Amino acid sequence: MNIDKYEEAALVAQKISFAFEDAFHDKEQRKLFYMYFNRYLLRVDPDGELAPYDALILLWRKYPDEFTHMEKEMTEKGLLDD
């Protein structure tokens, strides 16, 4: 595993996790985060037992293209900063 790619994925996962925490008080944004989490993270964490950060890292390890696509979609919806 390339450590640079792992560090990049970890930073993206952290960015998503922090954005989720920051937006949690906003009902509409929280709803969008849950929509993306259900769409992408349930594939790697079907019981929803992992923290979002851990599930995101697992998604990156198993399905890196989906991880990248999820980040792109969330950025386009304004949930993440560029």
Protein backbone atom coordinates (compact mmCIF):
# COMPACT_ATOMS: atom_id res chain seq x y z
CA MET A 1 0.00 0.00 0.00
CA ASN A 2 1.35 3.40 -0.98
CA ILE A 3 1.65 5.51 2.18
CA ASP A 4 1.08 8.75 0.25
CA LYS A 5 -2.23 7.47 -1.07
CA TYR A 6 -3.19 6.28 2.40
CA GLU A 7 -2.40 9.70 3.88
CA GLU A 8 -4.44 11.42 1.15
CA ALA A 9 -7.40 9.10 1.75
CA ALA A 10 -7.11 9.65 5.51
CA LEU A 11 -7.22 13.41 5.01
CA VAL A 12 -10.29 13.15 2.78
CA ALA A 13 -12.01 10.84 5.27
CA GLN A 14 -11.19 13.28 8.05
CA LYS A 15 -12.51 16.19 5.98
CA ILE A 16 -15.80 14.34 5.40
CA SER A 17 -16.08 13.36 9.08
CA PHE A 18 -15.44 16.91 10.27
CA ALA A 19 -17.88 18.36 7.74
CA PHE A 20 -20.52 15.90 8.95
CA GLU A 21 -19.95 16.94 12.56
CA ASP A 22 -20.05 20.62 11.65
CA ALA A 23 -23.28 20.24 9.66
CA PHE A 24 -25.03 17.93 12.10
CA HIS A 25 -27.16 20.73 13.54
CA ASP A 26 -28.55 21.54 10.06
CA LYS A 27 -31.36 19.08 9.42
CA GLU A 28 -31.17 19.31 5.61
CA GLN A 29 -27.40 18.91 5.43
CA ARG A 30 -27.50 16.06 7.94
CA LYS A 31 -30.09 14.38 5.73
CA LEU A 32 -27.77 14.70 2.70
CA PHE A 33 -24.84 13.24 4.62
CA TYR A 34 -26.97 10.29 5.69
CA MET A 35 -28.07 9.79 2.08
CA TYR A 36 -24.44 9.53 0.94
CA PHE A 37 -23.43 7.41 3.91
CA ASN A 38 -26.29 5.00 3.17
CA ARG A 39 -25.47 4.89 -0.52
CA TYR A 40 -21.76 4.25 -0.11
CA LEU A 41 -20.86 3.18 3.42
CA LEU A 42 -23.51 0.52 3.96
CA ARG A 43 -21.69 -1.54 1.34
CA VAL A 44 -18.68 -1.86 3.65
CA ASP A 45 -20.49 -1.47 6.98
CA PRO A 46 -23.96 -2.98 6.50
CA ASP A 47 -24.83 -2.83 10.20
CA GLY A 48 -23.67 0.77 10.59
CA GLU A 49 -21.40 -0.14 13.49
CA LEU A 50 -18.32 1.83 12.43
CA ALA A 51 -17.67 5.51 12.99
CA PRO A 52 -17.96 7.43 9.70
CA TYR A 53 -14.18 7.94 9.50
CA ASP A 54 -13.49 4.20 9.88
CA ALA A 55 -16.16 3.27 7.35
CA LEU A 56 -14.75 5.82 4.89
CA ILE A 57 -11.26 4.34 5.21
CA LEU A 58 -12.69 0.87 4.66
CA LEU A 59 -14.57 2.11 1.59
CA TRP A 60 -11.32 3.58 0.24
CA ARG A 61 -9.48 0.30 0.81
CA LYS A 62 -12.11 -1.90 -0.81
CA TYR A 63 -13.67 0.42 -3.40
CA PRO A 64 -11.35 3.36 -4.07
CA ASP A 65 -13.29 4.52 -7.13
CA GLU A 66 -16.51 4.77 -5.12
CA PHE A 67 -14.66 6.66 -2.39
CA THR A 68 -13.47 9.20 -4.96
CA HIS A 69 -16.93 9.43 -6.53
CA MET A 70 -18.55 9.99 -3.13
CA GLU A 71 -16.13 12.83 -2.35
CA LYS A 72 -16.83 14.40 -5.75
CA GLU A 73 -20.61 14.21 -5.29
CA MET A 74 -20.43 15.65 -1.79
CA THR A 75 -18.25 18.52 -3.00
CA GLU A 76 -20.65 19.25 -5.87
CA LYS A 77 -23.57 19.38 -3.39
CA GLY A 78 -21.66 21.87 -1.25
CA LEU A 79 -21.18 19.55 1.69
CA LEU A 80 -17.39 19.70 1.38
CA ASP A 81 -15.04 22.54 0.60
CA ASP A 82 -12.82 22.23 -2.44
